Amino acid sequence: MSIGAKDRIDKLLVKKYAQQQVDNHDLTATSMVNPEKMMEAMNDYAAVQRNVMFMSNKISNLCASIKAKARYSPHLQART
């Protein structure tokens, strides 16, 4: 797969738009959101998500160990 103009029409379009000037006025506009505060909020959100996952894994492991202990405990198996 090659890059570039392959036929006459593509070559003419490339030639035409190579001379065009673009006014990127959006790049010079000031942001309404403070980037430092945005990064701080994103970091806080990530920390909360990480802690939720950590606690979920801990609870899951705890429940699994309690179930295993109840299932394989000799004094509980005699009752069933």
PDB file of N, CA and C in Angstrom:
ATOM      1  N   MET A   1       0.837  -1.166   0.000  1.00  0.00           N
ATOM      2  CA  MET A   1       0.000   0.000   0.000  1.00  0.00           C
ATOM      3  C   MET A   1       0.891   1.241   0.000  1.00  0.00           C
ATOM      4  N   SER A   2       0.733   2.059  -0.971  1.00  0.00           N
ATOM      5  CA  SER A   2       1.578   3.239  -1.071  1.00  0.00           C
ATOM      6  C   SER A   2       0.814   4.481  -0.624  1.00  0.00           C
ATOM      7  N   ILE A   3       1.592   5.475  -0.263  1.00  0.00           N
ATOM      8  CA  ILE A   3       1.016   6.744   0.175  1.00  0.00           C
ATOM      9  C   ILE A   3       1.311   7.788  -0.887  1.00  0.00           C
ATOM     10  N   GLY A   4       0.332   8.613  -1.188  1.00  0.00           N
ATOM     11  CA  GLY A   4       0.533   9.677  -2.153  1.00  0.00           C
ATOM     12  C   GLY A   4      -0.500   9.632  -3.253  1.00  0.00           C
ATOM     13  N   ALA A   5      -0.420  10.631  -4.109  1.00  0.00           N
ATOM     14  CA  ALA A   5      -1.365  10.734  -5.217  1.00  0.00           C
ATOM     15  C   ALA A   5      -1.035   9.674  -6.267  1.00  0.00           C
ATOM     16  N   LYS A   6      -2.062   8.979  -6.726  1.00  0.00           N
ATOM     17  CA  LYS A   6      -1.850   7.903  -7.687  1.00  0.00           C
ATOM     18  C   LYS A   6      -2.282   8.297  -9.100  1.00  0.00           C
ATOM     19  N   ASP A   7      -3.338   9.060  -9.200  1.00  0.00           N
ATOM     20  CA  ASP A   7      -3.806   9.425 -10.536  1.00  0.00           C
ATOM     21  C   ASP A   7      -3.766  10.947 -10.716  1.00  0.00           C
ATOM     22  N   ARG A   8      -4.186  11.385 -11.873  1.00  0.00           N
ATOM     23  CA  ARG A   8      -4.093  12.797 -12.235  1.00  0.00           C
ATOM     24  C   ARG A   8      -4.938  13.681 -11.321  1.00  0.00           C
ATOM     25  N   ILE A   9      -6.150  13.234 -10.996  1.00  0.00           N
ATOM     26  CA  ILE A   9      -7.037  14.031 -10.138  1.00  0.00           C
ATOM     27  C   ILE A   9      -6.443  14.196  -8.750  1.00  0.00           C
ATOM     28  N   ASP A  10      -5.922  13.121  -8.188  1.00  0.00           N
ATOM     29  CA  ASP A  10      -5.298  13.213  -6.861  1.00  0.00           C
ATOM     30  C   ASP A  10      -4.105  14.164  -6.882  1.00  0.00           C
ATOM     31  N   LYS A  11      -3.307  14.100  -7.937  1.00  0.00           N
ATOM     32  CA  LYS A  11      -2.135  14.983  -8.031  1.00  0.00           C
ATOM     33  C   LYS A  11      -2.567  16.447  -8.116  1.00  0.00           C
ATOM     34  N   LEU A  12      -3.632  16.720  -8.861  1.00  0.00           N
ATOM     35  CA  LEU A  12      -4.128  18.094  -8.951  1.00  0.00           C
ATOM     36  C   LEU A  12      -4.683  18.588  -7.618  1.00  0.00           C
ATOM     37  N   LEU A  13      -5.378  17.701  -6.897  1.00  0.00           N
ATOM     38  CA  LEU A  13      -5.892  18.083  -5.572  1.00  0.00           C
ATOM     39  C   LEU A  13      -4.755  18.364  -4.602  1.00  0.00           C
ATOM     40  N   VAL A  14      -3.727  17.546  -4.645  1.00  0.00           N
ATOM     41  CA  VAL A  14      -2.571  17.771  -3.766  1.00  0.00           C
ATOM     42  C   VAL A  14      -1.928  19.104  -4.095  1.00  0.00           C
ATOM     43  N   LYS A  15      -1.775  19.384  -5.387  1.00  0.00           N
ATOM     44  CA  LYS A  15      -1.164  20.648  -5.806  1.00  0.00           C
ATOM     45  C   LYS A  15      -2.010  21.836  -5.361  1.00  0.00           C
ATOM     46  N   LYS A  16      -3.342  21.711  -5.491  1.00  0.00           N
ATOM     47  CA  LYS A  16      -4.244  22.806  -5.127  1.00  0.00           C
ATOM     48  C   LYS A  16      -4.198  23.088  -3.628  1.00  0.00           C
ATOM     49  N   TYR A  17      -4.306  22.050  -2.810  1.00  0.00           N
ATOM     50  CA  TYR A  17      -4.397  22.248  -1.362  1.00  0.00           C
ATOM     51  C   TYR A  17      -3.050  22.435  -0.683  1.00  0.00           C
ATOM     52  N   ALA A  18      -1.967  22.202  -1.398  1.00  0.00           N
ATOM     53  CA  ALA A  18      -0.639  22.452  -0.831  1.00  0.00           C
ATOM     54  C   ALA A  18      -0.408  23.939  -0.633  1.00  0.00           C
ATOM     55  N   GLN A  19      -1.075  24.765  -1.420  1.00  0.00           N
ATOM     56  CA  GLN A  19      -0.895  26.212  -1.348  1.00  0.00           C
ATOM     57  C   GLN A  19      -1.861  26.890  -0.381  1.00  0.00           C
ATOM     58  N   GLN A  20      -2.818  26.175   0.159  1.00  0.00           N
ATOM     59  CA  GLN A  20      -3.837  26.771   1.023  1.00  0.00           C
ATOM     60  C   GLN A  20      -3.257  27.091   2.402  1.00  0.00           C
ATOM     61  N   GLN A  21      -3.700  28.210   2.960  1.00  0.00           N
ATOM     62  CA  GLN A  21      -3.326  28.599   4.312  1.00  0.00           C
ATOM     63  C   GLN A  21      -4.495  28.295   5.234  1.00  0.00           C
ATOM     64  N   VAL A  22      -4.186  27.807   6.412  1.00  0.00           N
ATOM     65  CA  VAL A  22      -5.230  27.445   7.368  1.00  0.00           C
ATOM     66  C   VAL A  22      -5.126  28.359   8.577  1.00  0.00           C
ATOM     67  N   ASP A  23      -6.268  28.858   9.005  1.00  0.00           N
ATOM     68  CA  ASP A  23      -6.326  29.705  10.189  1.00  0.00           C
ATOM     69  C   ASP A  23      -6.826  28.853  11.355  1.00  0.00           C
ATOM     70  N   ASN A  24      -5.931  28.463  12.224  1.00  0.00           N
ATOM     71  CA  ASN A  24      -6.288  27.628  13.381  1.00  0.00           C
ATOM     72  C   ASN A  24      -6.578  28.524  14.583  1.00  0.00           C
ATOM     73  N   HIS A  25      -7.683  29.240  14.525  1.00  0.00           N
ATOM     74  CA  HIS A  25      -8.018  30.145  15.626  1.00  0.00           C
ATOM     75  C   HIS A  25      -8.401  29.393  16.895  1.00  0.00           C
ATOM     76  N   ASP A  26      -8.808  28.130  16.764  1.00  0.00           N
ATOM     77  CA  ASP A  26      -9.177  27.358  17.949  1.00  0.00           C
ATOM     78  C   ASP A  26      -7.961  27.049  18.823  1.00  0.00           C
ATOM     79  N   LEU A  27      -6.795  27.002  18.218  1.00  0.00           N
ATOM     80  CA  LEU A  27      -5.595  26.662  18.981  1.00  0.00           C
ATOM     81  C   LEU A  27      -5.162  27.802  19.898  1.00  0.00           C
ATOM     82  N   THR A  28      -5.515  29.011  19.551  1.00  0.00           N
ATOM     83  CA  THR A  28      -5.090  30.153  20.357  1.00  0.00           C
ATOM     84  C   THR A  28      -6.117  30.526  21.422  1.00  0.00           C
ATOM     85  N   ALA A  29      -7.283  29.914  21.382  1.00  0.00           N
ATOM     86  CA  ALA A  29      -8.320  30.238  22.362  1.00  0.00           C
ATOM     87  C   ALA A  29      -7.934  29.695  23.733  1.00  0.00           C
ATOM     88  N   THR A  30      -8.305  30.428  24.753  1.00  0.00           N
ATOM     89  CA  THR A  30      -8.012  29.969  26.104  1.00  0.00           C
ATOM     90  C   THR A  30      -9.061  28.956  26.536  1.00  0.00           C
ATOM     91  N   SER A  31      -8.625  28.025  27.319  1.00  0.00           N
ATOM     92  CA  SER A  31      -9.513  26.964  27.781  1.00  0.00           C
ATOM     93  C   SER A  31     -10.336  27.461  28.960  1.00  0.00           C
ATOM     94  N   MET A  32     -11.575  26.996  29.037  1.00  0.00           N
ATOM     95  CA  MET A  32     -12.433  27.358  30.164  1.00  0.00           C
ATOM     96  C   MET A  32     -12.156  26.472  31.365  1.00  0.00           C
ATOM     97  N   VAL A  33     -11.408  25.383  31.153  1.00  0.00           N
ATOM     98  CA  VAL A  33     -11.105  24.448  32.227  1.00  0.00           C
ATOM     99  C   VAL A  33      -9.626  24.565  32.563  1.00  0.00           C
ATOM    100  N   ASN A  34      -9.338  24.702  33.835  1.00  0.00           N
ATOM    101  CA  ASN A  34      -7.961  24.748  34.288  1.00  0.00           C
ATOM    102  C   ASN A  34      -7.357  23.349  34.142  1.00  0.00           C
ATOM    103  N   PRO A  35      -6.299  23.183  33.341  1.00  0.00           N
ATOM    104  CA  PRO A  35      -5.747  21.849  33.119  1.00  0.00           C
ATOM    105  C   PRO A  35      -5.204  21.195  34.387  1.00  0.00           C
ATOM    106  N   GLU A  36      -4.673  21.991  35.292  1.00  0.00           N
ATOM    107  CA  GLU A  36      -4.152  21.426  36.548  1.00  0.00           C
ATOM    108  C   GLU A  36      -5.285  20.830  37.388  1.00  0.00           C
ATOM    109  N   LYS A  37      -6.395  21.560  37.482  1.00  0.00           N
ATOM    110  CA  LYS A  37      -7.538  21.050  38.247  1.00  0.00           C
ATOM    111  C   LYS A  37      -8.155  19.837  37.575  1.00  0.00           C
ATOM    112  N   MET A  38      -8.164  19.831  36.241  1.00  0.00           N
ATOM    113  CA  MET A  38      -8.690  18.685  35.507  1.00  0.00           C
ATOM    114  C   MET A  38      -7.836  17.442  35.770  1.00  0.00           C
ATOM    115  N   MET A  39      -6.523  17.599  35.730  1.00  0.00           N
ATOM    116  CA  MET A  39      -5.631  16.464  35.998  1.00  0.00           C
ATOM    117  C   MET A  39      -5.789  15.987  37.444  1.00  0.00           C
ATOM    118  N   GLU A  40      -5.946  16.922  38.360  1.00  0.00           N
ATOM    119  CA  GLU A  40      -6.149  16.559  39.757  1.00  0.00           C
ATOM    120  C   GLU A  40      -7.447  15.771  39.928  1.00  0.00           C
ATOM    121  N   ALA A  41      -8.514  16.211  39.262  1.00  0.00           N
ATOM    122  CA  ALA A  41      -9.795  15.498  39.337  1.00  0.00           C
ATOM    123  C   ALA A  41      -9.683  14.116  38.712  1.00  0.00           C
ATOM    124  N   MET A  42      -8.977  14.014  37.594  1.00  0.00           N
ATOM    125  CA  MET A  42      -8.802  12.713  36.942  1.00  0.00           C
ATOM    126  C   MET A  42      -7.977  11.770  37.815  1.00  0.00           C
ATOM    127  N   ASN A  43      -6.960  12.303  38.472  1.00  0.00           N
ATOM    128  CA  ASN A  43      -6.148  11.479  39.372  1.00  0.00           C
ATOM    129  C   ASN A  43      -6.968  11.015  40.570  1.00  0.00           C
ATOM    130  N   ASP A  44      -7.804  11.899  41.105  1.00  0.00           N
ATOM    131  CA  ASP A  44      -8.676  11.509  42.215  1.00  0.00           C
ATOM    132  C   ASP A  44      -9.631  10.408  41.799  1.00  0.00           C
ATOM    133  N   TYR A  45     -10.224  10.558  40.618  1.00  0.00           N
ATOM    134  CA  TYR A  45     -11.158   9.550  40.114  1.00  0.00           C
ATOM    135  C   TYR A  45     -10.448   8.212  39.922  1.00  0.00           C
ATOM    136  N   ALA A  46      -9.243   8.255  39.367  1.00  0.00           N
ATOM    137  CA  ALA A  46      -8.476   7.022  39.164  1.00  0.00           C
ATOM    138  C   ALA A  46      -8.125   6.368  40.497  1.00  0.00           C
ATOM    139  N   ALA A  47      -7.782   7.169  41.495  1.00  0.00           N
ATOM    140  CA  ALA A  47      -7.451   6.617  42.811  1.00  0.00           C
ATOM    141  C   ALA A  47      -8.668   5.952  43.443  1.00  0.00           C
ATOM    142  N   VAL A  48      -9.832   6.569  43.309  1.00  0.00           N
ATOM    143  CA  VAL A  48     -11.056   5.980  43.856  1.00  0.00           C
ATOM    144  C   VAL A  48     -11.362   4.663  43.141  1.00  0.00           C
ATOM    145  N   GLN A  49     -11.250   4.655  41.817  1.00  0.00           N
ATOM    146  CA  GLN A  49     -11.516   3.426  41.061  1.00  0.00           C
ATOM    147  C   GLN A  49     -10.543   2.317  41.456  1.00  0.00           C
ATOM    148  N   ARG A  50      -9.262   2.671  41.628  1.00  0.00           N
ATOM    149  CA  ARG A  50      -8.256   1.692  42.042  1.00  0.00           C
ATOM    150  C   ARG A  50      -8.587   1.131  43.421  1.00  0.00           C
ATOM    151  N   ASN A  51      -9.000   1.981  44.342  1.00  0.00           N
ATOM    152  CA  ASN A  51      -9.345   1.523  45.675  1.00  0.00           C
ATOM    153  C   ASN A  51     -10.601   0.658  45.672  1.00  0.00           C
ATOM    154  N   VAL A  52     -11.578   0.998  44.828  1.00  0.00           N
ATOM    155  CA  VAL A  52     -12.788   0.185  44.722  1.00  0.00           C
ATOM    156  C   VAL A  52     -12.435  -1.206  44.202  1.00  0.00           C
ATOM    157  N   MET A  53     -11.579  -1.268  43.192  1.00  0.00           N
ATOM    158  CA  MET A  53     -11.168  -2.574  42.664  1.00  0.00           C
ATOM    159  C   MET A  53     -10.399  -3.372  43.711  1.00  0.00           C
ATOM    160  N   PHE A  54      -9.536  -2.711  44.449  1.00  0.00           N
ATOM    161  CA  PHE A  54      -8.763  -3.373  45.498  1.00  0.00           C
ATOM    162  C   PHE A  54      -9.682  -3.939  46.573  1.00  0.00           C
ATOM    163  N   MET A  55     -10.649  -3.135  47.016  1.00  0.00           N
ATOM    164  CA  MET A  55     -11.581  -3.605  48.044  1.00  0.00           C
ATOM    165  C   MET A  55     -12.474  -4.727  47.510  1.00  0.00           C
ATOM    166  N   SER A  56     -12.891  -4.630  46.265  1.00  0.00           N
ATOM    167  CA  SER A  56     -13.708  -5.675  45.660  1.00  0.00           C
ATOM    168  C   SER A  56     -12.949  -6.995  45.612  1.00  0.00           C
ATOM    169  N   ASN A  57     -11.687  -6.948  45.240  1.00  0.00           N
ATOM    170  CA  ASN A  57     -10.876  -8.163  45.209  1.00  0.00           C
ATOM    171  C   ASN A  57     -10.677  -8.730  46.605  1.00  0.00           C
ATOM    172  N   LYS A  58     -10.463  -7.856  47.577  1.00  0.00           N
ATOM    173  CA  LYS A  58     -10.295  -8.328  48.955  1.00  0.00           C
ATOM    174  C   LYS A  58     -11.561  -9.005  49.463  1.00  0.00           C
ATOM    175  N   ILE A  59     -12.708  -8.384  49.197  1.00  0.00           N
ATOM    176  CA  ILE A  59     -13.985  -8.955  49.640  1.00  0.00           C
ATOM    177  C   ILE A  59     -14.249 -10.277  48.935  1.00  0.00           C
ATOM    178  N   SER A  60     -13.940 -10.338  47.653  1.00  0.00           N
ATOM    179  CA  SER A  60     -14.129 -11.567  46.890  1.00  0.00           C
ATOM    180  C   SER A  60     -13.257 -12.688  47.442  1.00  0.00           C
ATOM    181  N   ASN A  61     -12.002 -12.395  47.733  1.00  0.00           N
ATOM    182  CA  ASN A  61     -11.105 -13.401  48.307  1.00  0.00           C
ATOM    183  C   ASN A  61     -11.572 -13.826  49.697  1.00  0.00           C
ATOM    184  N   LEU A  62     -12.047 -12.880  50.486  1.00  0.00           N
ATOM    185  CA  LEU A  62     -12.529 -13.195  51.822  1.00  0.00           C
ATOM    186  C   LEU A  62     -13.748 -14.113  51.747  1.00  0.00           C
ATOM    187  N   CYS A  63     -14.682 -13.783  50.863  1.00  0.00           N
ATOM    188  CA  CYS A  63     -15.876 -14.624  50.711  1.00  0.00           C
ATOM    189  C   CYS A  63     -15.508 -16.021  50.226  1.00  0.00           C
ATOM    190  N   ALA A  64     -14.576 -16.108  49.293  1.00  0.00           N
ATOM    191  CA  ALA A  64     -14.154 -17.416  48.790  1.00  0.00           C
ATOM    192  C   ALA A  64     -13.508 -18.241  49.895  1.00  0.00           C
ATOM    193  N   SER A  65     -12.689 -17.601  50.726  1.00  0.00           N
ATOM    194  CA  SER A  65     -12.050 -18.354  51.805  1.00  0.00           C
ATOM    195  C   SER A  65     -13.070 -18.787  52.860  1.00  0.00           C
ATOM    196  N   ILE A  66     -14.058 -17.960  53.133  1.00  0.00           N
ATOM    197  CA  ILE A  66     -15.100 -18.336  54.098  1.00  0.00           C
ATOM    198  C   ILE A  66     -15.922 -19.499  53.552  1.00  0.00           C
ATOM    199  N   LYS A  67     -16.279 -19.452  52.272  1.00  0.00           N
ATOM    200  CA  LYS A  67     -17.019 -20.553  51.661  1.00  0.00           C
ATOM    201  C   LYS A  67     -16.215 -21.839  51.676  1.00  0.00           C
ATOM    202  N   ALA A  68     -14.922 -21.740  51.358  1.00  0.00           N
ATOM    203  CA  ALA A  68     -14.071 -22.930  51.354  1.00  0.00           C
ATOM    204  C   ALA A  68     -13.931 -23.495  52.758  1.00  0.00           C
ATOM    205  N   LYS A  69     -13.773 -22.629  53.728  1.00  0.00           N
ATOM    206  CA  LYS A  69     -13.637 -23.079  55.103  1.00  0.00           C
ATOM    207  C   LYS A  69     -14.920 -23.768  55.576  1.00  0.00           C
ATOM    208  N   ALA A  70     -16.063 -23.192  55.204  1.00  0.00           N
ATOM    209  CA  ALA A  70     -17.338 -23.782  55.601  1.00  0.00           C
ATOM    210  C   ALA A  70     -17.584 -25.102  54.877  1.00  0.00           C
ATOM    211  N   ARG A  71     -17.160 -25.177  53.634  1.00  0.00           N
ATOM    212  CA  ARG A  71     -17.416 -26.379  52.842  1.00  0.00           C
ATOM    213  C   ARG A  71     -16.518 -27.533  53.254  1.00  0.00           C
ATOM    214  N   TYR A  72     -15.271 -27.260  53.565  1.00  0.00           N
ATOM    215  CA  TYR A  72     -14.310 -28.322  53.845  1.00  0.00           C
ATOM    216  C   TYR A  72     -14.009 -28.494  55.326  1.00  0.00           C
ATOM    217  N   SER A  73     -14.749 -27.807  56.156  1.00  0.00           N
ATOM    218  CA  SER A  73     -14.544 -27.958  57.593  1.00  0.00           C
ATOM    219  C   SER A  73     -15.112 -29.302  58.043  1.00  0.00           C
ATOM    220  N   PRO A  74     -14.321 -30.123  58.784  1.00  0.00           N
ATOM    221  CA  PRO A  74     -14.783 -31.462  59.164  1.00  0.00           C
ATOM    222  C   PRO A  74     -15.984 -31.440  60.106  1.00  0.00           C
ATOM    223  N   HIS A  75     -16.067 -30.502  61.031  1.00  0.00           N
ATOM    224  CA  HIS A  75     -17.166 -30.512  61.971  1.00  0.00           C
ATOM    225  C   HIS A  75     -18.490 -30.068  61.313  1.00  0.00           C
ATOM    226  N   LEU A  76     -18.423 -29.328  60.185  1.00  0.00           N
ATOM    227  CA  LEU A  76     -19.639 -28.945  59.482  1.00  0.00           C
ATOM    228  C   LEU A  76     -20.089 -30.016  58.502  1.00  0.00           C
ATOM    229  N   GLN A  77     -19.197 -30.870  58.028  1.00  0.00           N
ATOM    230  CA  GLN A  77     -19.569 -31.893  57.088  1.00  0.00           C
ATOM    231  C   GLN A  77     -20.326 -33.020  57.758  1.00  0.00           C
ATOM    232  N   ALA A  78     -20.126 -33.233  59.038  1.00  0.00           N
ATOM    233  CA  ALA A  78     -20.819 -34.302  59.749  1.00  0.00           C
ATOM    234  C   ALA A  78     -22.323 -34.003  59.850  1.00  0.00           C
ATOM    235  N   ARG A  79     -22.695 -32.744  59.867  1.00  0.00           N
ATOM    236  CA  ARG A  79     -24.102 -32.377  59.982  1.00  0.00           C
ATOM    237  C   ARG A  79     -24.887 -32.575  58.682  1.00  0.00           C
ATOM    238  N   THR A  80     -24.231 -32.487  57.561  1.00  0.00           N
ATOM    239  CA  THR A  80     -24.959 -32.562  56.292  1.00  0.00           C
ATOM    240  C   THR A  80     -25.255 -33.936  55.846  1.00  0.00           C
TER     241      THR A  80
END
